[in-house]
Amino acid sequence: MILPLIIYIFYFTLTPIINTITMSFRNDDSGAWTLGNYQQIFTDINFNTALFNTLFITIVGIILQISIALLIALLMNKEFKGKGFFRTMMLIPMGIPTLVSGVTLLFIFGQTGYFNELLFRLGIVDTQPFWLGGGINTLFVIIFADMWKVLPLTILLLLAGLQSIPKDVYEASAIDGANSWHTFWSITLPLLKPSITMAIILRAIDSFRIFELPLVMAGNNTPVLSTFSYEAFRHSNYGVSGAAATILLLIIVIFIISYILIVERKNLKEVK
């Protein structure tokens, strides 16, 4: 019964991965085994830029996403009027395709977009800044776009962690005279640590794979590892493309192993 699924996974997942890794160690012209592709990309300024951009988007994006998601999750964990409506509206970005999100945000952050129009009307700028022309500004725009798309998932993970904390703990802390800050710092945050760890690792894996948003919004102005590999393949540099994709795969595998060692191992200990 599971044979069709095994065949599907092997043919459409494992086979391309194996072919990509093999391609990264072969010369495009002679087909000989070589490490030249890896030597080439590590001396390529575009690859170094793509690696830096990927790390920057991942690290800064995770810090902002976890901070904002935690604040919203704390608010959502309280009872208030219209909570159901707000929760439904919060999930809308998850249902919008990534390409559509990227194109939509182009109308906001484009040189003649709504954001520049707002800044101009407020008197903050007297020209039209090009936010998507590369550099640190473009990275923050991509981080914002990615955060808008995936923030609901992070909120749900943290909200589930908050709702799993027993209320008896808060009642005991209130009896002992703990204020809101002490309760959050000494009770909520430590008990929420597994959910935060899971959210960080899952978002890190997803952030390293970011592809559509940088490609649609910035193109070659702000390369990341996935778009660098795509552009190399598009220009028939198959070995270089395979090497970049293999490095990206290695980074993702490291985070998956981290997830298993940190989260799953702790869950197994709790079960035992």
C-alpha atoms as a PDB file:
ATOM      1  CA  MET A   1       0.000   0.000   0.000  1.00  0.00           C
ATOM      2  CA  ILE A   2       2.877   2.398   0.673  1.00  0.00           C
ATOM      3  CA  LEU A   3       4.810   1.400  -2.452  1.00  0.00           C
ATOM      4  CA  PRO A   4       3.293   4.197  -4.662  1.00  0.00           C
ATOM      5  CA  LEU A   5       4.263   6.783  -2.047  1.00  0.00           C
ATOM      6  CA  ILE A   6       7.799   5.378  -1.800  1.00  0.00           C
ATOM      7  CA  ILE A   7       8.155   5.471  -5.586  1.00  0.00           C
ATOM      8  CA  TYR A   8       6.837   9.043  -5.691  1.00  0.00           C
ATOM      9  CA  ILE A   9       9.228  10.258  -2.977  1.00  0.00           C
ATOM     10  CA  PHE A  10      12.205   8.486  -4.516  1.00  0.00           C
ATOM     11  CA  TYR A  11      11.572   9.640  -8.077  1.00  0.00           C
ATOM     12  CA  PHE A  12      10.481  13.235  -7.476  1.00  0.00           C
ATOM     13  CA  THR A  13      12.531  14.022  -4.346  1.00  0.00           C
ATOM     14  CA  LEU A  14      15.519  11.764  -3.753  1.00  0.00           C
ATOM     15  CA  THR A  15      16.496  11.337  -7.398  1.00  0.00           C
ATOM     16  CA  PRO A  16      16.694  15.113  -8.126  1.00  0.00           C
ATOM     17  CA  ILE A  17      18.675  15.637  -4.915  1.00  0.00           C
ATOM     18  CA  ILE A  18      21.161  12.905  -5.815  1.00  0.00           C
ATOM     19  CA  ASN A  19      21.456  14.250  -9.372  1.00  0.00           C
ATOM     20  CA  THR A  20      22.052  17.783  -8.067  1.00  0.00           C
ATOM     21  CA  ILE A  21      24.803  16.667  -5.691  1.00  0.00           C
ATOM     22  CA  THR A  22      26.408  14.608  -8.462  1.00  0.00           C
ATOM     23  CA  MET A  23      26.188  17.551 -10.850  1.00  0.00           C
ATOM     24  CA  SER A  24      27.985  19.783  -8.347  1.00  0.00           C
ATOM     25  CA  PHE A  25      31.076  17.543  -8.518  1.00  0.00           C
ATOM     26  CA  ARG A  26      31.239  17.311 -12.326  1.00  0.00           C
ATOM     27  CA  ASN A  27      32.785  19.574 -14.915  1.00  0.00           C
ATOM     28  CA  ASP A  28      30.171  20.898 -17.340  1.00  0.00           C
ATOM     29  CA  ASP A  29      32.372  20.418 -20.404  1.00  0.00           C
ATOM     30  CA  SER A  30      34.281  17.185 -19.767  1.00  0.00           C
ATOM     31  CA  GLY A  31      32.003  15.513 -17.238  1.00  0.00           C
ATOM     32  CA  ALA A  32      35.053  14.701 -15.090  1.00  0.00           C
ATOM     33  CA  TRP A  33      34.822  14.645 -11.311  1.00  0.00           C
ATOM     34  CA  THR A  34      36.120  17.885  -9.826  1.00  0.00           C
ATOM     35  CA  LEU A  35      35.924  20.303  -6.904  1.00  0.00           C
ATOM     36  CA  GLY A  36      36.274  23.223  -9.267  1.00  0.00           C
ATOM     37  CA  ASN A  37      32.617  24.217  -9.003  1.00  0.00           C
ATOM     38  CA  TYR A  38      32.931  24.748  -5.255  1.00  0.00           C
ATOM     39  CA  GLN A  39      36.232  26.588  -5.681  1.00  0.00           C
ATOM     40  CA  GLN A  40      34.576  28.827  -8.250  1.00  0.00           C
ATOM     41  CA  ILE A  41      31.554  29.824  -6.196  1.00  0.00           C
ATOM     42  CA  PHE A  42      33.541  30.549  -3.044  1.00  0.00           C
ATOM     43  CA  THR A  43      35.597  33.067  -5.021  1.00  0.00           C
ATOM     44  CA  ASP A  44      32.489  34.479  -6.725  1.00  0.00           C
ATOM     45  CA  ILE A  45      31.426  37.797  -5.207  1.00  0.00           C
ATOM     46  CA  ASN A  46      27.835  37.156  -6.268  1.00  0.00           C
ATOM     47  CA  PHE A  47      27.755  33.896  -4.300  1.00  0.00           C
ATOM     48  CA  ASN A  48      29.267  35.566  -1.236  1.00  0.00           C
ATOM     49  CA  THR A  49      26.648  38.304  -1.528  1.00  0.00           C
ATOM     50  CA  ALA A  50      23.887  35.706  -1.906  1.00  0.00           C
ATOM     51  CA  LEU A  51      25.141  33.823   1.164  1.00  0.00           C
ATOM     52  CA  PHE A  52      25.292  37.038   3.215  1.00  0.00           C
ATOM     53  CA  ASN A  53      21.803  38.081   2.062  1.00  0.00           C
ATOM     54  CA  THR A  54      20.375  34.667   2.947  1.00  0.00           C
ATOM     55  CA  LEU A  55      21.942  34.726   6.414  1.00  0.00           C
ATOM     56  CA  PHE A  56      20.818  38.328   6.995  1.00  0.00           C
ATOM     57  CA  ILE A  57      17.228  37.631   5.926  1.00  0.00           C
ATOM     58  CA  THR A  58      17.128  34.504   8.089  1.00  0.00           C
ATOM     59  CA  ILE A  59      18.667  35.919  11.270  1.00  0.00           C
ATOM     60  CA  VAL A  60      17.072  39.380  11.274  1.00  0.00           C
ATOM     61  CA  GLY A  61      13.780  37.990   9.971  1.00  0.00           C
ATOM     62  CA  ILE A  62      13.564  35.376  12.732  1.00  0.00           C
ATOM     63  CA  ILE A  63      14.343  37.930  15.451  1.00  0.00           C
ATOM     64  CA  LEU A  64      11.607  40.273  14.197  1.00  0.00           C
ATOM     65  CA  GLN A  65       9.101  37.492  13.530  1.00  0.00           C
ATOM     66  CA  ILE A  66       9.496  35.825  16.927  1.00  0.00           C
ATOM     67  CA  SER A  67       9.310  39.168  18.758  1.00  0.00           C
ATOM     68  CA  ILE A  68       6.199  40.394  16.931  1.00  0.00           C
ATOM     69  CA  ALA A  69       4.545  36.962  16.895  1.00  0.00           C
ATOM     70  CA  LEU A  70       5.076  36.589  20.650  1.00  0.00           C
ATOM     71  CA  LEU A  71       3.496  39.988  21.308  1.00  0.00           C
ATOM     72  CA  ILE A  72       0.464  39.156  19.148  1.00  0.00           C
ATOM     73  CA  ALA A  73       0.175  35.653  20.642  1.00  0.00           C
ATOM     74  CA  LEU A  74       0.104  37.145  24.152  1.00  0.00           C
ATOM     75  CA  LEU A  75      -2.710  39.469  23.066  1.00  0.00           C
ATOM     76  CA  MET A  76      -4.575  36.631  21.340  1.00  0.00           C
ATOM     77  CA  ASN A  77      -4.296  34.524  24.479  1.00  0.00           C
ATOM     78  CA  LYS A  78      -6.544  36.993  26.299  1.00  0.00           C
ATOM     79  CA  GLU A  79     -10.302  37.177  25.991  1.00  0.00           C
ATOM     80  CA  PHE A  80     -11.630  40.236  24.145  1.00  0.00           C
ATOM     81  CA  LYS A  81     -14.528  41.154  21.905  1.00  0.00           C
ATOM     82  CA  GLY A  82     -13.976  40.242  18.244  1.00  0.00           C
ATOM     83  CA  LYS A  83     -11.240  37.725  18.989  1.00  0.00           C
ATOM     84  CA  GLY A  84     -12.621  35.191  16.495  1.00  0.00           C
ATOM     85  CA  PHE A  85     -12.824  37.784  13.698  1.00  0.00           C
ATOM     86  CA  PHE A  86      -9.290  38.988  14.376  1.00  0.00           C
ATOM     87  CA  ARG A  87      -7.966  35.411  14.354  1.00  0.00           C
ATOM     88  CA  THR A  88      -9.674  34.749  11.007  1.00  0.00           C
ATOM     89  CA  MET A  89      -8.291  37.921   9.438  1.00  0.00           C
ATOM     90  CA  MET A  90      -4.842  37.060  10.757  1.00  0.00           C
ATOM     91  CA  LEU A  91      -4.809  33.800   8.761  1.00  0.00           C
ATOM     92  CA  ILE A  92      -5.576  35.426   5.393  1.00  0.00           C
ATOM     93  CA  PRO A  93      -1.904  35.957   4.332  1.00  0.00           C
ATOM     94  CA  MET A  94      -1.299  32.196   4.634  1.00  0.00           C
ATOM     95  CA  GLY A  95      -3.888  31.539   1.927  1.00  0.00           C
ATOM     96  CA  ILE A  96      -2.372  33.952  -0.605  1.00  0.00           C
ATOM     97  CA  PRO A  97       0.158  32.408  -3.035  1.00  0.00           C
ATOM     98  CA  THR A  98       3.698  33.690  -2.514  1.00  0.00           C
ATOM     99  CA  LEU A  99       3.983  34.999  -6.071  1.00  0.00           C
ATOM    100  CA  VAL A 100       0.776  36.987  -5.631  1.00  0.00           C
ATOM    101  CA  SER A 101       2.093  38.387  -2.354  1.00  0.00           C
ATOM    102  CA  GLY A 102       5.323  39.456  -4.044  1.00  0.00           C
ATOM    103  CA  VAL A 103       3.538  41.189  -6.906  1.00  0.00           C
ATOM    104  CA  THR A 104       1.121  42.882  -4.496  1.00  0.00           C
ATOM    105  CA  LEU A 105       3.969  44.241  -2.391  1.00  0.00           C
ATOM    106  CA  LEU A 106       5.590  45.620  -5.543  1.00  0.00           C
ATOM    107  CA  PHE A 107       2.676  48.061  -5.714  1.00  0.00           C
ATOM    108  CA  ILE A 108       3.529  49.144  -2.168  1.00  0.00           C
ATOM    109  CA  PHE A 109       7.332  49.329  -2.231  1.00  0.00           C
ATOM    110  CA  GLY A 110       7.882  50.081  -5.929  1.00  0.00           C
ATOM    111  CA  GLN A 111       9.477  53.410  -6.794  1.00  0.00           C
ATOM    112  CA  THR A 112       6.040  54.841  -7.612  1.00  0.00           C
ATOM    113  CA  GLY A 113       4.278  52.707  -5.004  1.00  0.00           C
ATOM    114  CA  TYR A 114       2.009  53.587  -2.129  1.00  0.00           C
ATOM    115  CA  PHE A 115       4.806  53.643   0.478  1.00  0.00           C
ATOM    116  CA  ASN A 116       6.757  56.359  -1.336  1.00  0.00           C
ATOM    117  CA  GLU A 117       3.527  58.263  -1.892  1.00  0.00           C
ATOM    118  CA  LEU A 118       2.804  58.139   1.841  1.00  0.00           C
ATOM    119  CA  LEU A 119       6.323  59.303   2.731  1.00  0.00           C
ATOM    120  CA  PHE A 120       6.045  62.140   0.209  1.00  0.00           C
ATOM    121  CA  ARG A 121       2.680  63.325   1.520  1.00  0.00           C
ATOM    122  CA  LEU A 122       4.013  63.264   5.097  1.00  0.00           C
ATOM    123  CA  GLY A 123       6.971  65.391   3.983  1.00  0.00           C
ATOM    124  CA  ILE A 124       9.529  62.764   4.950  1.00  0.00           C
ATOM    125  CA  VAL A 125      11.043  62.527   1.458  1.00  0.00           C
ATOM    126  CA  ASP A 126      11.074  64.874  -1.513  1.00  0.00           C
ATOM    127  CA  THR A 127      12.119  62.203  -4.042  1.00  0.00           C
ATOM    128  CA  GLN A 128      11.116  58.616  -4.727  1.00  0.00           C
ATOM    129  CA  PRO A 129      13.594  56.195  -3.087  1.00  0.00           C
ATOM    130  CA  PHE A 130      14.212  52.939  -4.949  1.00  0.00           C
ATOM    131  CA  TRP A 131      13.650  50.421  -2.145  1.00  0.00           C
ATOM    132  CA  LEU A 132      14.141  47.405  -4.408  1.00  0.00           C
ATOM    133  CA  GLY A 133      17.417  48.444  -6.027  1.00  0.00           C
ATOM    134  CA  GLY A 134      19.639  46.324  -3.779  1.00  0.00           C
ATOM    135  CA  GLY A 135      21.424  46.865  -0.497  1.00  0.00           C
ATOM    136  CA  ILE A 136      20.188  46.876   3.082  1.00  0.00           C
ATOM    137  CA  ASN A 137      16.895  48.603   2.220  1.00  0.00           C
ATOM    138  CA  THR A 138      15.900  45.815  -0.148  1.00  0.00           C
ATOM    139  CA  LEU A 139      16.791  43.175   2.421  1.00  0.00           C
ATOM    140  CA  PHE A 140      14.459  44.765   4.961  1.00  0.00           C
ATOM    141  CA  VAL A 141      11.675  44.993   2.365  1.00  0.00           C
ATOM    142  CA  ILE A 142      12.080  41.280   1.631  1.00  0.00           C
ATOM    143  CA  ILE A 143      12.101  40.534   5.369  1.00  0.00           C
ATOM    144  CA  PHE A 144       8.877  42.510   5.766  1.00  0.00           C
ATOM    145  CA  ALA A 145       7.275  40.715   2.815  1.00  0.00           C
ATOM    146  CA  ASP A 146       8.280  37.304   4.161  1.00  0.00           C
ATOM    147  CA  MET A 147       7.143  38.203   7.669  1.00  0.00           C
ATOM    148  CA  TRP A 148       3.724  39.347   6.424  1.00  0.00           C
ATOM    149  CA  LYS A 149       3.280  36.023   4.631  1.00  0.00           C
ATOM    150  CA  VAL A 150       4.380  33.583   7.361  1.00  0.00           C
ATOM    151  CA  LEU A 151       3.775  35.491  10.606  1.00  0.00           C
ATOM    152  CA  PRO A 152       0.364  33.809  11.186  1.00  0.00           C
ATOM    153  CA  LEU A 153       2.049  30.383  11.349  1.00  0.00           C
ATOM    154  CA  THR A 154       4.544  31.598  13.951  1.00  0.00           C
ATOM    155  CA  ILE A 155       1.733  33.189  15.962  1.00  0.00           C
ATOM    156  CA  LEU A 156      -0.236  29.928  15.942  1.00  0.00           C
ATOM    157  CA  LEU A 157       2.798  27.953  17.164  1.00  0.00           C
ATOM    158  CA  LEU A 158       3.405  30.354  20.046  1.00  0.00           C
ATOM    159  CA  LEU A 159      -0.301  30.659  20.829  1.00  0.00           C
ATOM    160  CA  ALA A 160      -0.570  26.873  21.099  1.00  0.00           C
ATOM    161  CA  GLY A 161       2.365  26.930  23.516  1.00  0.00           C
ATOM    162  CA  LEU A 162       0.748  29.663  25.606  1.00  0.00           C
ATOM    163  CA  GLN A 163      -2.549  27.820  25.824  1.00  0.00           C
ATOM    164  CA  SER A 164      -0.783  24.657  26.979  1.00  0.00           C
ATOM    165  CA  ILE A 165       0.586  26.393  30.093  1.00  0.00           C
ATOM    166  CA  PRO A 166      -1.524  25.381  33.145  1.00  0.00           C
ATOM    167  CA  LYS A 167      -3.503  28.231  34.702  1.00  0.00           C
ATOM    168  CA  ASP A 168      -2.645  26.909  38.155  1.00  0.00           C
ATOM    169  CA  VAL A 169       0.901  28.170  37.688  1.00  0.00           C
ATOM    170  CA  TYR A 170      -0.321  31.728  37.135  1.00  0.00           C
ATOM    171  CA  GLU A 171      -2.672  31.511  40.101  1.00  0.00           C
ATOM    172  CA  ALA A 172       0.185  30.379  42.335  1.00  0.00           C
ATOM    173  CA  SER A 173       2.409  33.231  41.144  1.00  0.00           C
ATOM    174  CA  ALA A 174      -0.376  35.747  41.786  1.00  0.00           C
ATOM    175  CA  ILE A 175      -0.757  34.447  45.344  1.00  0.00           C
ATOM    176  CA  ASP A 176       2.997  34.862  45.854  1.00  0.00           C
ATOM    177  CA  GLY A 177       2.677  38.501  44.763  1.00  0.00           C
ATOM    178  CA  ALA A 178       4.428  38.317  41.388  1.00  0.00           C
ATOM    179  CA  ASN A 179       3.675  41.213  39.034  1.00  0.00           C
ATOM    180  CA  SER A 180       3.030  40.899  35.286  1.00  0.00           C
ATOM    181  CA  TRP A 181       6.688  41.289  34.307  1.00  0.00           C
ATOM    182  CA  HIS A 182       7.938  38.706  36.810  1.00  0.00           C
ATOM    183  CA  THR A 183       5.200  36.306  35.723  1.00  0.00           C
ATOM    184  CA  PHE A 184       6.147  36.673  32.069  1.00  0.00           C
ATOM    185  CA  TRP A 185       9.913  36.444  32.657  1.00  0.00           C
ATOM    186  CA  SER A 186       9.911  33.634  35.238  1.00  0.00           C
ATOM    187  CA  ILE A 187       6.911  31.533  34.136  1.00  0.00           C
ATOM    188  CA  THR A 188       5.608  32.265  30.644  1.00  0.00           C
ATOM    189  CA  LEU A 189       8.929  32.563  28.841  1.00  0.00           C
ATOM    190  CA  PRO A 190      10.593  29.431  30.322  1.00  0.00           C
ATOM    191  CA  LEU A 191       7.481  27.288  29.757  1.00  0.00           C
ATOM    192  CA  LEU A 192       7.158  28.673  26.239  1.00  0.00           C
ATOM    193  CA  LYS A 193      10.763  27.812  25.366  1.00  0.00           C
ATOM    194  CA  PRO A 194       9.920  24.550  23.476  1.00  0.00           C
ATOM    195  CA  SER A 195       7.418  26.372  21.256  1.00  0.00           C
ATOM    196  CA  ILE A 196       9.862  29.224  20.625  1.00  0.00           C
ATOM    197  CA  THR A 197      12.631  26.754  19.773  1.00  0.00           C
ATOM    198  CA  MET A 198      10.365  24.898  17.363  1.00  0.00           C
ATOM    199  CA  ALA A 199       9.250  28.155  15.714  1.00  0.00           C
ATOM    200  CA  ILE A 200      12.847  29.366  15.321  1.00  0.00           C
ATOM    201  CA  ILE A 201      14.082  26.131  13.739  1.00  0.00           C
ATOM    202  CA  LEU A 202      11.105  25.732  11.391  1.00  0.00           C
ATOM    203  CA  ARG A 203      11.285  29.367  10.311  1.00  0.00           C
ATOM    204  CA  ALA A 204      15.051  29.142   9.824  1.00  0.00           C
ATOM    205  CA  ILE A 205      14.616  26.144   7.505  1.00  0.00           C
ATOM    206  CA  ASP A 206      11.939  28.008   5.557  1.00  0.00           C
ATOM    207  CA  SER A 207      13.897  31.279   5.417  1.00  0.00           C
ATOM    208  CA  PHE A 208      16.971  29.628   3.946  1.00  0.00           C
ATOM    209  CA  ARG A 209      14.757  28.272   1.147  1.00  0.00           C
ATOM    210  CA  ILE A 210      13.306  31.686   0.311  1.00  0.00           C
ATOM    211  CA  PHE A 211      13.024  32.030  -3.465  1.00  0.00           C
ATOM    212  CA  GLU A 212       9.881  33.589  -4.927  1.00  0.00           C
ATOM    213  CA  LEU A 213       9.837  36.850  -2.966  1.00  0.00           C
ATOM    214  CA  PRO A 214      13.444  37.934  -3.702  1.00  0.00           C
ATOM    215  CA  LEU A 215      13.092  36.858  -7.326  1.00  0.00           C
ATOM    216  CA  VAL A 216       9.826  38.725  -7.905  1.00  0.00           C
ATOM    217  CA  MET A 217      10.580  41.818  -5.856  1.00  0.00           C
ATOM    218  CA  ALA A 218      14.309  42.396  -6.455  1.00  0.00           C
ATOM    219  CA  GLY A 219      15.483  40.007  -9.173  1.00  0.00           C
ATOM    220  CA  ASN A 220      19.267  40.051  -9.565  1.00  0.00           C
ATOM    221  CA  ASN A 221      19.592  43.188  -7.422  1.00  0.00           C
ATOM    222  CA  THR A 222      19.444  41.115  -4.239  1.00  0.00           C
ATOM    223  CA  PRO A 223      20.481  37.495  -4.834  1.00  0.00           C
ATOM    224  CA  VAL A 224      19.965  34.754  -2.256  1.00  0.00           C
ATOM    225  CA  LEU A 225      21.282  31.196  -2.401  1.00  0.00           C
ATOM    226  CA  SER A 226      18.228  29.794  -4.144  1.00  0.00           C
ATOM    227  CA  THR A 227      18.042  32.551  -6.777  1.00  0.00           C
ATOM    228  CA  PHE A 228      21.815  32.335  -7.311  1.00  0.00           C
ATOM    229  CA  SER A 229      21.454  28.620  -8.048  1.00  0.00           C
ATOM    230  CA  TYR A 230      18.484  29.313 -10.328  1.00  0.00           C
ATOM    231  CA  GLU A 231      20.305  31.993 -12.324  1.00  0.00           C
ATOM    232  CA  ALA A 232      23.392  29.760 -12.707  1.00  0.00           C
ATOM    233  CA  PHE A 233      21.215  26.930 -14.017  1.00  0.00           C
ATOM    234  CA  ARG A 234      19.360  29.307 -16.351  1.00  0.00           C
ATOM    235  CA  HIS A 235      22.718  30.324 -17.858  1.00  0.00           C
ATOM    236  CA  SER A 236      23.745  26.671 -18.286  1.00  0.00           C
ATOM    237  CA  ASN A 237      26.292  26.743 -15.443  1.00  0.00           C
ATOM    238  CA  TYR A 238      24.992  23.432 -14.180  1.00  0.00           C
ATOM    239  CA  GLY A 239      27.958  22.543 -11.969  1.00  0.00           C
ATOM    240  CA  VAL A 240      27.916  25.918 -10.219  1.00  0.00           C
ATOM    241  CA  SER A 241      24.149  25.704  -9.823  1.00  0.00           C
ATOM    242  CA  GLY A 242      24.443  22.230  -8.316  1.00  0.00           C
ATOM    243  CA  ALA A 243      27.193  23.345  -5.929  1.00  0.00           C
ATOM    244  CA  ALA A 244      25.126  26.300  -4.654  1.00  0.00           C
ATOM    245  CA  ALA A 245      22.057  24.082  -4.264  1.00  0.00           C
ATOM    246  CA  THR A 246      24.107  21.453  -2.404  1.00  0.00           C
ATOM    247  CA  ILE A 247      25.441  24.058   0.034  1.00  0.00           C
ATOM    248  CA  LEU A 248      21.885  25.277   0.606  1.00  0.00           C
ATOM    249  CA  LEU A 249      20.771  21.677   1.167  1.00  0.00           C
ATOM    250  CA  LEU A 250      23.584  21.155   3.686  1.00  0.00           C
ATOM    251  CA  ILE A 251      22.529  24.229   5.667  1.00  0.00           C
ATOM    252  CA  ILE A 252      18.908  23.059   5.740  1.00  0.00           C
ATOM    253  CA  VAL A 253      19.959  19.549   6.831  1.00  0.00           C
ATOM    254  CA  ILE A 254      21.922  21.088   9.719  1.00  0.00           C
ATOM    255  CA  PHE A 255      18.793  22.877  10.924  1.00  0.00           C
ATOM    256  CA  ILE A 256      16.675  19.729  10.530  1.00  0.00           C
ATOM    257  CA  ILE A 257      19.183  17.768  12.618  1.00  0.00           C
ATOM    258  CA  SER A 258      19.140  20.599  15.156  1.00  0.00           C
ATOM    259  CA  TYR A 259      15.359  20.329  15.326  1.00  0.00           C
ATOM    260  CA  ILE A 260      15.565  16.580  15.933  1.00  0.00           C
ATOM    261  CA  LEU A 261      18.273  16.883  18.572  1.00  0.00           C
ATOM    262  CA  ILE A 262      16.778  19.840  20.425  1.00  0.00           C
ATOM    263  CA  VAL A 263      13.001  19.419  20.175  1.00  0.00           C
ATOM    264  CA  GLU A 264      12.291  15.769  19.450  1.00  0.00           C
ATOM    265  CA  ARG A 265      14.870  14.461  21.923  1.00  0.00           C
ATOM    266  CA  LYS A 266      13.318  16.573  24.655  1.00  0.00           C
ATOM    267  CA  ASN A 267       9.849  15.282  23.742  1.00  0.00           C
ATOM    268  CA  LEU A 268      11.099  11.690  23.981  1.00  0.00           C
ATOM    269  CA  LYS A 269      12.578  12.368  27.425  1.00  0.00           C
ATOM    270  CA  GLU A 270       9.269  13.846  28.595  1.00  0.00           C
ATOM    271  CA  VAL A 271       7.385  10.778  27.306  1.00  0.00           C
ATOM    272  CA  LYS A 272       9.741   8.428  29.139  1.00  0.00           C
END
